[in-house]
């Protein structure tokens, strides 16, 4: 894992060695020239995933350590009671996404917490990339989609932006911020086959909302995505998200 690592010592952040354990909880965000959209939502999600730990002072110390020039993709981590900040340069951002529909349903252990299943999700993304896709669709044994391995999913239906209704879903900062901007989003259960009949967006704190331009099926078949004019473009929505 690349980046400069800092550890919370109870009163401040100090330079740290790589921890021996995998993180229990993480959160990450895009920071550009000292600005980050919806920082309060990232704080709230991280805190809610650590109910027995007071992370208030740690979170207050995080932002001043991230450089205020350039584009960064910091990550906060909890390893048990130990708290870390990893300051990483942001990777290249994309404006479109190709999604892979894997042959097996979602195997996450803790789908509503960001952290315990990072290795599994990275594996799914690697498998998708090997087939020419960017990310993978997560769905349960009943065929209902929850989200992407590393993104939220949304689609346009009758002029309204919709998101999957599913119990095994990570609370998405991007979705929450978008819902606040739009005055709410539609929600209903959806299968991958249904999704493919609509214009679909993939969203994350790193890339913002991106248009889904293609699908790669479990057997490797490549399919074009449904496209068309939508009431709002991903570019317009991302501008609002960056400056909400």
C-alpha atoms as a PDB file:
ATOM      1  CA  UNK A   1       0.000   0.000   0.000  1.00  0.00           C
ATOM      2  CA  UNK A   2       1.504   3.341  -1.050  1.00  0.00           C
ATOM      3  CA  UNK A   3       1.234   6.697   0.698  1.00  0.00           C
ATOM      4  CA  UNK A   4       2.474   8.427   3.827  1.00  0.00           C
ATOM      5  CA  UNK A   5       1.129   6.807   6.986  1.00  0.00           C
ATOM      6  CA  UNK A   6       0.245   8.585  10.232  1.00  0.00           C
ATOM      7  CA  UNK A   7      -0.943   7.086  13.526  1.00  0.00           C
ATOM      8  CA  UNK A   8      -3.108   8.747  16.158  1.00  0.00           C
ATOM      9  CA  UNK A   9      -1.276   8.690  19.510  1.00  0.00           C
ATOM     10  CA  UNK A  10      -4.128  10.148  21.549  1.00  0.00           C
ATOM     11  CA  UNK A  11      -3.109  13.764  21.120  1.00  0.00           C
ATOM     12  CA  UNK A  12      -1.868  14.074  17.548  1.00  0.00           C
ATOM     13  CA  UNK A  13      -0.824  12.295  14.367  1.00  0.00           C
ATOM     14  CA  UNK A  14       2.697  10.877  14.282  1.00  0.00           C
ATOM     15  CA  UNK A  15       4.632   9.132  11.509  1.00  0.00           C
ATOM     16  CA  UNK A  16       3.933   5.400  11.573  1.00  0.00           C
ATOM     17  CA  UNK A  17       5.104   2.051  10.294  1.00  0.00           C
ATOM     18  CA  UNK A  18       2.790  -0.169   8.282  1.00  0.00           C
ATOM     19  CA  UNK A  19       0.425  -1.998  10.700  1.00  0.00           C
ATOM     20  CA  UNK A  20       0.591  -5.784  10.770  1.00  0.00           C
ATOM     21  CA  UNK A  21      -3.190  -6.227  10.682  1.00  0.00           C
ATOM     22  CA  UNK A  22      -5.752  -5.541   7.982  1.00  0.00           C
ATOM     23  CA  UNK A  23      -8.070  -2.614   8.741  1.00  0.00           C
ATOM     24  CA  UNK A  24     -11.431  -3.233  10.391  1.00  0.00           C
ATOM     25  CA  UNK A  25     -12.959   0.011   9.132  1.00  0.00           C
ATOM     26  CA  UNK A  26     -11.825   2.482   6.471  1.00  0.00           C
ATOM     27  CA  UNK A  27     -13.109   5.567   4.719  1.00  0.00           C
ATOM     28  CA  UNK A  28     -11.609   7.529   1.841  1.00  0.00           C
ATOM     29  CA  UNK A  29     -12.377  10.661  -0.139  1.00  0.00           C
ATOM     30  CA  UNK A  30     -11.081  12.819  -2.979  1.00  0.00           C
ATOM     31  CA  UNK A  31      -9.416  16.053  -1.912  1.00  0.00           C
ATOM     32  CA  UNK A  32      -8.543  18.744  -4.453  1.00  0.00           C
ATOM     33  CA  UNK A  33      -6.513  21.804  -3.435  1.00  0.00           C
ATOM     34  CA  UNK A  34      -7.682  21.454   0.156  1.00  0.00           C
ATOM     35  CA  UNK A  35     -11.353  20.939  -0.613  1.00  0.00           C
ATOM     36  CA  UNK A  36     -13.454  17.795  -0.140  1.00  0.00           C
ATOM     37  CA  UNK A  37     -17.169  17.404  -0.764  1.00  0.00           C
ATOM     38  CA  UNK A  38     -19.408  15.953   1.965  1.00  0.00           C
ATOM     39  CA  UNK A  39     -16.603  15.548   4.513  1.00  0.00           C
ATOM     40  CA  UNK A  40     -19.240  15.489   7.260  1.00  0.00           C
ATOM     41  CA  UNK A  41     -20.795  12.372   5.707  1.00  0.00           C
ATOM     42  CA  UNK A  42     -17.451  10.563   5.611  1.00  0.00           C
ATOM     43  CA  UNK A  43     -16.892  11.459   9.278  1.00  0.00           C
ATOM     44  CA  UNK A  44     -20.354  10.217  10.215  1.00  0.00           C
ATOM     45  CA  UNK A  45     -19.983   6.897   8.380  1.00  0.00           C
ATOM     46  CA  UNK A  46     -16.563   6.200   9.904  1.00  0.00           C
ATOM     47  CA  UNK A  47     -17.794   7.086  13.410  1.00  0.00           C
ATOM     48  CA  UNK A  48     -20.957   5.008  13.054  1.00  0.00           C
ATOM     49  CA  UNK A  49     -18.870   1.949  12.154  1.00  0.00           C
ATOM     50  CA  UNK A  50     -16.881   2.323  15.412  1.00  0.00           C
ATOM     51  CA  UNK A  51     -19.583   2.741  18.083  1.00  0.00           C
ATOM     52  CA  UNK A  52     -17.273   1.856  20.969  1.00  0.00           C
ATOM     53  CA  UNK A  53     -14.520   4.284  19.996  1.00  0.00           C
ATOM     54  CA  UNK A  54     -14.421   8.082  20.275  1.00  0.00           C
ATOM     55  CA  UNK A  55     -12.833   9.256  17.023  1.00  0.00           C
ATOM     56  CA  UNK A  56     -13.755  12.950  17.304  1.00  0.00           C
ATOM     57  CA  UNK A  57     -10.261  14.297  18.030  1.00  0.00           C
ATOM     58  CA  UNK A  58      -8.658  11.982  15.478  1.00  0.00           C
ATOM     59  CA  UNK A  59     -11.002  13.169  12.730  1.00  0.00           C
ATOM     60  CA  UNK A  60     -10.394  16.797  13.661  1.00  0.00           C
ATOM     61  CA  UNK A  61      -6.654  16.238  13.173  1.00  0.00           C
ATOM     62  CA  UNK A  62      -6.939  14.538   9.780  1.00  0.00           C
ATOM     63  CA  UNK A  63      -7.662  17.366   7.342  1.00  0.00           C
ATOM     64  CA  UNK A  64      -4.761  19.676   8.331  1.00  0.00           C
ATOM     65  CA  UNK A  65      -2.263  16.881   7.557  1.00  0.00           C
ATOM     66  CA  UNK A  66      -3.448  16.389   3.965  1.00  0.00           C
ATOM     67  CA  UNK A  67      -1.596  18.746   1.564  1.00  0.00           C
ATOM     68  CA  UNK A  68      -3.723  21.698   0.472  1.00  0.00           C
ATOM     69  CA  UNK A  69      -2.341  21.704  -3.066  1.00  0.00           C
ATOM     70  CA  UNK A  70      -2.893  19.029  -5.688  1.00  0.00           C
ATOM     71  CA  UNK A  71      -5.258  16.087  -5.843  1.00  0.00           C
ATOM     72  CA  UNK A  72      -5.191  13.488  -3.050  1.00  0.00           C
ATOM     73  CA  UNK A  73      -7.096  10.355  -2.049  1.00  0.00           C
ATOM     74  CA  UNK A  74      -6.603  10.035   1.737  1.00  0.00           C
ATOM     75  CA  UNK A  75      -7.835   7.045   3.708  1.00  0.00           C
ATOM     76  CA  UNK A  76      -8.597   6.777   7.415  1.00  0.00           C
ATOM     77  CA  UNK A  77      -8.269   3.334   8.979  1.00  0.00           C
ATOM     78  CA  UNK A  78      -9.164   1.632  12.257  1.00  0.00           C
ATOM     79  CA  UNK A  79      -7.125  -1.421  13.239  1.00  0.00           C
ATOM     80  CA  UNK A  80      -8.845  -2.412  16.460  1.00  0.00           C
ATOM     81  CA  UNK A  81      -8.533   0.713  18.626  1.00  0.00           C
ATOM     82  CA  UNK A  82      -5.572   2.038  16.620  1.00  0.00           C
ATOM     83  CA  UNK A  83      -6.383   4.848  14.191  1.00  0.00           C
ATOM     84  CA  UNK A  84      -4.378   5.732  11.093  1.00  0.00           C
ATOM     85  CA  UNK A  85      -4.383   8.266   8.280  1.00  0.00           C
ATOM     86  CA  UNK A  86      -2.919   7.258   4.935  1.00  0.00           C
ATOM     87  CA  UNK A  87      -2.173  10.207   2.634  1.00  0.00           C
ATOM     88  CA  UNK A  88      -2.114   9.012  -0.985  1.00  0.00           C
ATOM     89  CA  UNK A  89      -1.939  10.824  -4.323  1.00  0.00           C
ATOM     90  CA  UNK A  90      -5.213  10.468  -6.208  1.00  0.00           C
ATOM     91  CA  UNK A  91      -5.111   8.004  -9.111  1.00  0.00           C
ATOM     92  CA  UNK A  92      -6.332   8.996 -12.563  1.00  0.00           C
ATOM     93  CA  UNK A  93     -10.043   9.725 -12.557  1.00  0.00           C
ATOM     94  CA  UNK A  94     -12.428   8.275 -15.123  1.00  0.00           C
ATOM     95  CA  UNK A  95     -15.657   9.662 -16.564  1.00  0.00           C
ATOM     96  CA  UNK A  96     -17.158   6.364 -17.746  1.00  0.00           C
ATOM     97  CA  UNK A  97     -17.397   2.857 -16.312  1.00  0.00           C
ATOM     98  CA  UNK A  98     -17.740  -0.643 -17.731  1.00  0.00           C
ATOM     99  CA  UNK A  99     -19.323  -3.113 -15.298  1.00  0.00           C
ATOM    100  CA  UNK A 100     -18.729  -6.853 -15.017  1.00  0.00           C
ATOM    101  CA  UNK A 101     -21.543  -9.144 -13.846  1.00  0.00           C
ATOM    102  CA  UNK A 102     -19.716 -12.041 -12.110  1.00  0.00           C
ATOM    103  CA  UNK A 103     -21.009 -15.598 -12.038  1.00  0.00           C
ATOM    104  CA  UNK A 104     -21.257 -15.769  -8.233  1.00  0.00           C
ATOM    105  CA  UNK A 105     -23.337 -13.686  -5.823  1.00  0.00           C
ATOM    106  CA  UNK A 106     -21.973 -11.300  -3.223  1.00  0.00           C
ATOM    107  CA  UNK A 107     -19.787 -13.086  -0.646  1.00  0.00           C
ATOM    108  CA  UNK A 108     -19.017 -10.160   1.688  1.00  0.00           C
ATOM    109  CA  UNK A 109     -18.999 -10.853   5.435  1.00  0.00           C
ATOM    110  CA  UNK A 110     -19.903  -7.297   6.513  1.00  0.00           C
ATOM    111  CA  UNK A 111     -21.559  -5.518   3.589  1.00  0.00           C
ATOM    112  CA  UNK A 112     -22.681  -2.498   5.622  1.00  0.00           C
ATOM    113  CA  UNK A 113     -19.194  -1.687   6.936  1.00  0.00           C
ATOM    114  CA  UNK A 114     -16.376  -0.435   4.733  1.00  0.00           C
ATOM    115  CA  UNK A 115     -13.208  -2.325   5.665  1.00  0.00           C
ATOM    116  CA  UNK A 116     -13.595  -6.020   6.498  1.00  0.00           C
ATOM    117  CA  UNK A 117     -14.100  -7.078   2.871  1.00  0.00           C
ATOM    118  CA  UNK A 118     -11.511  -4.880   1.139  1.00  0.00           C
ATOM    119  CA  UNK A 119      -9.454  -7.838  -0.121  1.00  0.00           C
ATOM    120  CA  UNK A 120     -12.519  -9.548  -1.590  1.00  0.00           C
ATOM    121  CA  UNK A 121     -13.651  -6.356  -3.315  1.00  0.00           C
ATOM    122  CA  UNK A 122     -10.170  -5.709  -4.706  1.00  0.00           C
ATOM    123  CA  UNK A 123     -10.198  -9.257  -6.051  1.00  0.00           C
ATOM    124  CA  UNK A 124     -13.514  -8.677  -7.805  1.00  0.00           C
ATOM    125  CA  UNK A 125     -12.200  -5.483  -9.360  1.00  0.00           C
ATOM    126  CA  UNK A 126      -9.063  -7.265 -10.575  1.00  0.00           C
ATOM    127  CA  UNK A 127     -11.181 -10.008 -12.149  1.00  0.00           C
ATOM    128  CA  UNK A 128     -13.346  -7.373 -13.821  1.00  0.00           C
ATOM    129  CA  UNK A 129     -10.305  -5.514 -15.142  1.00  0.00           C
ATOM    130  CA  UNK A 130      -8.886  -8.729 -16.587  1.00  0.00           C
ATOM    131  CA  UNK A 131     -12.065  -8.962 -18.687  1.00  0.00           C
ATOM    132  CA  UNK A 132     -11.913  -5.344 -19.828  1.00  0.00           C
ATOM    133  CA  UNK A 133     -14.262  -3.864 -17.211  1.00  0.00           C
ATOM    134  CA  UNK A 134     -13.634  -1.333 -14.445  1.00  0.00           C
ATOM    135  CA  UNK A 135     -15.679  -2.765 -11.574  1.00  0.00           C
ATOM    136  CA  UNK A 136     -18.022  -5.612 -10.661  1.00  0.00           C
ATOM    137  CA  UNK A 137     -21.728  -5.729  -9.836  1.00  0.00           C
ATOM    138  CA  UNK A 138     -22.677  -7.160  -6.435  1.00  0.00           C
ATOM    139  CA  UNK A 139     -25.920  -9.105  -6.202  1.00  0.00           C
ATOM    140  CA  UNK A 140     -27.464 -11.517  -3.707  1.00  0.00           C
ATOM    141  CA  UNK A 141     -28.468 -15.135  -4.288  1.00  0.00           C
ATOM    142  CA  UNK A 142     -31.962 -13.993  -5.322  1.00  0.00           C
ATOM    143  CA  UNK A 143     -30.446 -11.975  -8.184  1.00  0.00           C
ATOM    144  CA  UNK A 144     -31.118  -8.549  -6.675  1.00  0.00           C
ATOM    145  CA  UNK A 145     -28.361  -5.964  -7.106  1.00  0.00           C
ATOM    146  CA  UNK A 146     -27.018  -4.132  -4.059  1.00  0.00           C
ATOM    147  CA  UNK A 147     -24.206  -2.005  -5.536  1.00  0.00           C
ATOM    148  CA  UNK A 148     -20.832  -2.265  -7.244  1.00  0.00           C
ATOM    149  CA  UNK A 149     -17.738  -3.731  -5.621  1.00  0.00           C
ATOM    150  CA  UNK A 150     -16.240  -0.246  -5.343  1.00  0.00           C
ATOM    151  CA  UNK A 151     -19.115   2.022  -6.300  1.00  0.00           C
ATOM    152  CA  UNK A 152     -22.766   2.800  -5.791  1.00  0.00           C
ATOM    153  CA  UNK A 153     -25.129   2.162  -8.692  1.00  0.00           C
ATOM    154  CA  UNK A 154     -28.044   4.273  -9.889  1.00  0.00           C
ATOM    155  CA  UNK A 155     -30.242   4.336 -12.949  1.00  0.00           C
ATOM    156  CA  UNK A 156     -32.678   6.675 -14.661  1.00  0.00           C
ATOM    157  CA  UNK A 157     -36.282   5.517 -14.877  1.00  0.00           C
ATOM    158  CA  UNK A 158     -39.102   7.761 -16.127  1.00  0.00           C
ATOM    159  CA  UNK A 159     -37.029  10.870 -15.489  1.00  0.00           C
ATOM    160  CA  UNK A 160     -36.101   9.957 -11.922  1.00  0.00           C
ATOM    161  CA  UNK A 161     -32.760   8.837 -10.534  1.00  0.00           C
ATOM    162  CA  UNK A 162     -33.180   5.488  -8.791  1.00  0.00           C
ATOM    163  CA  UNK A 163     -30.943   3.402  -6.526  1.00  0.00           C
ATOM    164  CA  UNK A 164     -31.261  -0.279  -5.562  1.00  0.00           C
ATOM    165  CA  UNK A 165     -33.257  -1.108  -2.437  1.00  0.00           C
ATOM    166  CA  UNK A 166     -31.253  -3.858  -0.759  1.00  0.00           C
ATOM    167  CA  UNK A 167     -30.506  -4.731   2.894  1.00  0.00           C
ATOM    168  CA  UNK A 168     -26.860  -5.689   2.244  1.00  0.00           C
ATOM    169  CA  UNK A 169     -25.653  -2.327   1.022  1.00  0.00           C
ATOM    170  CA  UNK A 170     -22.887  -0.014   2.208  1.00  0.00           C
ATOM    171  CA  UNK A 171     -24.267   3.412   3.193  1.00  0.00           C
ATOM    172  CA  UNK A 172     -22.936   5.449   0.264  1.00  0.00           C
ATOM    173  CA  UNK A 173     -21.717   9.000   0.846  1.00  0.00           C
ATOM    174  CA  UNK A 174     -22.169   9.721  -2.867  1.00  0.00           C
ATOM    175  CA  UNK A 175     -25.782   8.511  -2.797  1.00  0.00           C
ATOM    176  CA  UNK A 176     -26.574  10.416   0.414  1.00  0.00           C
ATOM    177  CA  UNK A 177     -25.112  13.659  -0.949  1.00  0.00           C
ATOM    178  CA  UNK A 178     -26.925  13.192  -4.258  1.00  0.00           C
ATOM    179  CA  UNK A 179     -30.224  12.547  -2.486  1.00  0.00           C
ATOM    180  CA  UNK A 180     -29.794  15.810  -0.570  1.00  0.00           C
ATOM    181  CA  UNK A 181     -29.190  17.708  -3.816  1.00  0.00           C
ATOM    182  CA  UNK A 182     -32.119  16.074  -5.632  1.00  0.00           C
ATOM    183  CA  UNK A 183     -34.560  16.202  -2.756  1.00  0.00           C
ATOM    184  CA  UNK A 184     -34.591  12.413  -2.568  1.00  0.00           C
ATOM    185  CA  UNK A 185     -34.033   9.456  -4.875  1.00  0.00           C
ATOM    186  CA  UNK A 186     -36.274   6.600  -5.939  1.00  0.00           C
ATOM    187  CA  UNK A 187     -35.567   3.166  -4.489  1.00  0.00           C
ATOM    188  CA  UNK A 188     -36.714  -0.285  -5.488  1.00  0.00           C
ATOM    189  CA  UNK A 189     -35.299  -3.804  -5.819  1.00  0.00           C
ATOM    190  CA  UNK A 190     -33.642  -4.369  -9.194  1.00  0.00           C
ATOM    191  CA  UNK A 191     -31.849  -7.186 -11.017  1.00  0.00           C
ATOM    192  CA  UNK A 192     -28.828  -6.788 -13.270  1.00  0.00           C
ATOM    193  CA  UNK A 193     -31.004  -7.627 -16.276  1.00  0.00           C
ATOM    194  CA  UNK A 194     -33.384  -4.792 -15.364  1.00  0.00           C
ATOM    195  CA  UNK A 195     -30.516  -2.368 -14.820  1.00  0.00           C
ATOM    196  CA  UNK A 196     -29.215  -3.053 -18.291  1.00  0.00           C
ATOM    197  CA  UNK A 197     -32.451  -1.724 -19.805  1.00  0.00           C
ATOM    198  CA  UNK A 198     -31.839   1.779 -18.408  1.00  0.00           C
ATOM    199  CA  UNK A 199     -29.120   4.458 -18.452  1.00  0.00           C
ATOM    200  CA  UNK A 200     -26.946   3.561 -15.442  1.00  0.00           C
ATOM    201  CA  UNK A 201     -24.506   5.622 -13.384  1.00  0.00           C
ATOM    202  CA  UNK A 202     -21.709   4.304 -11.160  1.00  0.00           C
ATOM    203  CA  UNK A 203     -20.695   6.584  -8.301  1.00  0.00           C
ATOM    204  CA  UNK A 204     -17.884   6.811  -5.759  1.00  0.00           C
ATOM    205  CA  UNK A 205     -16.117   9.404  -3.636  1.00  0.00           C
ATOM    206  CA  UNK A 206     -13.091   9.104  -5.933  1.00  0.00           C
ATOM    207  CA  UNK A 207     -14.615   9.285  -9.412  1.00  0.00           C
ATOM    208  CA  UNK A 208     -17.935  10.936  -8.624  1.00  0.00           C
ATOM    209  CA  UNK A 209     -20.753   9.760 -10.887  1.00  0.00           C
ATOM    210  CA  UNK A 210     -19.663   8.125 -14.142  1.00  0.00           C
ATOM    211  CA  UNK A 211     -21.774   6.909 -17.053  1.00  0.00           C
ATOM    212  CA  UNK A 212     -21.916   3.130 -17.471  1.00  0.00           C
ATOM    213  CA  UNK A 213     -20.972   2.583 -21.110  1.00  0.00           C
ATOM    214  CA  UNK A 214     -20.755  -1.203 -21.255  1.00  0.00           C
ATOM    215  CA  UNK A 215     -21.333  -4.527 -19.547  1.00  0.00           C
ATOM    216  CA  UNK A 216     -19.194  -7.661 -19.412  1.00  0.00           C
ATOM    217  CA  UNK A 217     -21.196 -10.771 -18.632  1.00  0.00           C
ATOM    218  CA  UNK A 218     -20.043 -13.770 -16.589  1.00  0.00           C
ATOM    219  CA  UNK A 219     -19.098 -15.642 -19.779  1.00  0.00           C
ATOM    220  CA  UNK A 220     -16.977 -12.719 -20.992  1.00  0.00           C
ATOM    221  CA  UNK A 221     -19.504 -11.396 -23.521  1.00  0.00           C
ATOM    222  CA  UNK A 222     -19.297  -7.617 -23.966  1.00  0.00           C
ATOM    223  CA  UNK A 223     -22.571  -5.698 -24.310  1.00  0.00           C
ATOM    224  CA  UNK A 224     -23.176  -2.027 -24.995  1.00  0.00           C
ATOM    225  CA  UNK A 225     -25.008  -0.075 -22.319  1.00  0.00           C
ATOM    226  CA  UNK A 226     -28.280   1.755 -22.851  1.00  0.00           C
ATOM    227  CA  UNK A 227     -27.562   5.450 -23.251  1.00  0.00           C
ATOM    228  CA  UNK A 228     -29.698   8.515 -23.766  1.00  0.00           C
ATOM    229  CA  UNK A 229     -30.367  12.002 -22.514  1.00  0.00           C
ATOM    230  CA  UNK A 230     -31.016  12.288 -18.794  1.00  0.00           C
ATOM    231  CA  UNK A 231     -32.445  15.246 -16.843  1.00  0.00           C
ATOM    232  CA  UNK A 232     -29.009  15.853 -15.327  1.00  0.00           C
ATOM    233  CA  UNK A 233     -25.578  14.819 -16.602  1.00  0.00           C
ATOM    234  CA  UNK A 234     -22.885  13.196 -14.496  1.00  0.00           C
ATOM    235  CA  UNK A 235     -20.722  16.276 -15.036  1.00  0.00           C
ATOM    236  CA  UNK A 236     -23.430  18.595 -13.704  1.00  0.00           C
ATOM    237  CA  UNK A 237     -24.090  16.369 -10.716  1.00  0.00           C
ATOM    238  CA  UNK A 238     -20.389  16.035  -9.917  1.00  0.00           C
ATOM    239  CA  UNK A 239     -19.988  19.816  -9.917  1.00  0.00           C
ATOM    240  CA  UNK A 240     -22.738  20.048  -7.308  1.00  0.00           C
ATOM    241  CA  UNK A 241     -21.221  17.211  -5.265  1.00  0.00           C
ATOM    242  CA  UNK A 242     -17.750  18.764  -5.234  1.00  0.00           C
ATOM    243  CA  UNK A 243     -19.111  22.078  -3.988  1.00  0.00           C
ATOM    244  CA  UNK A 244     -22.073  21.096  -1.822  1.00  0.00           C
END
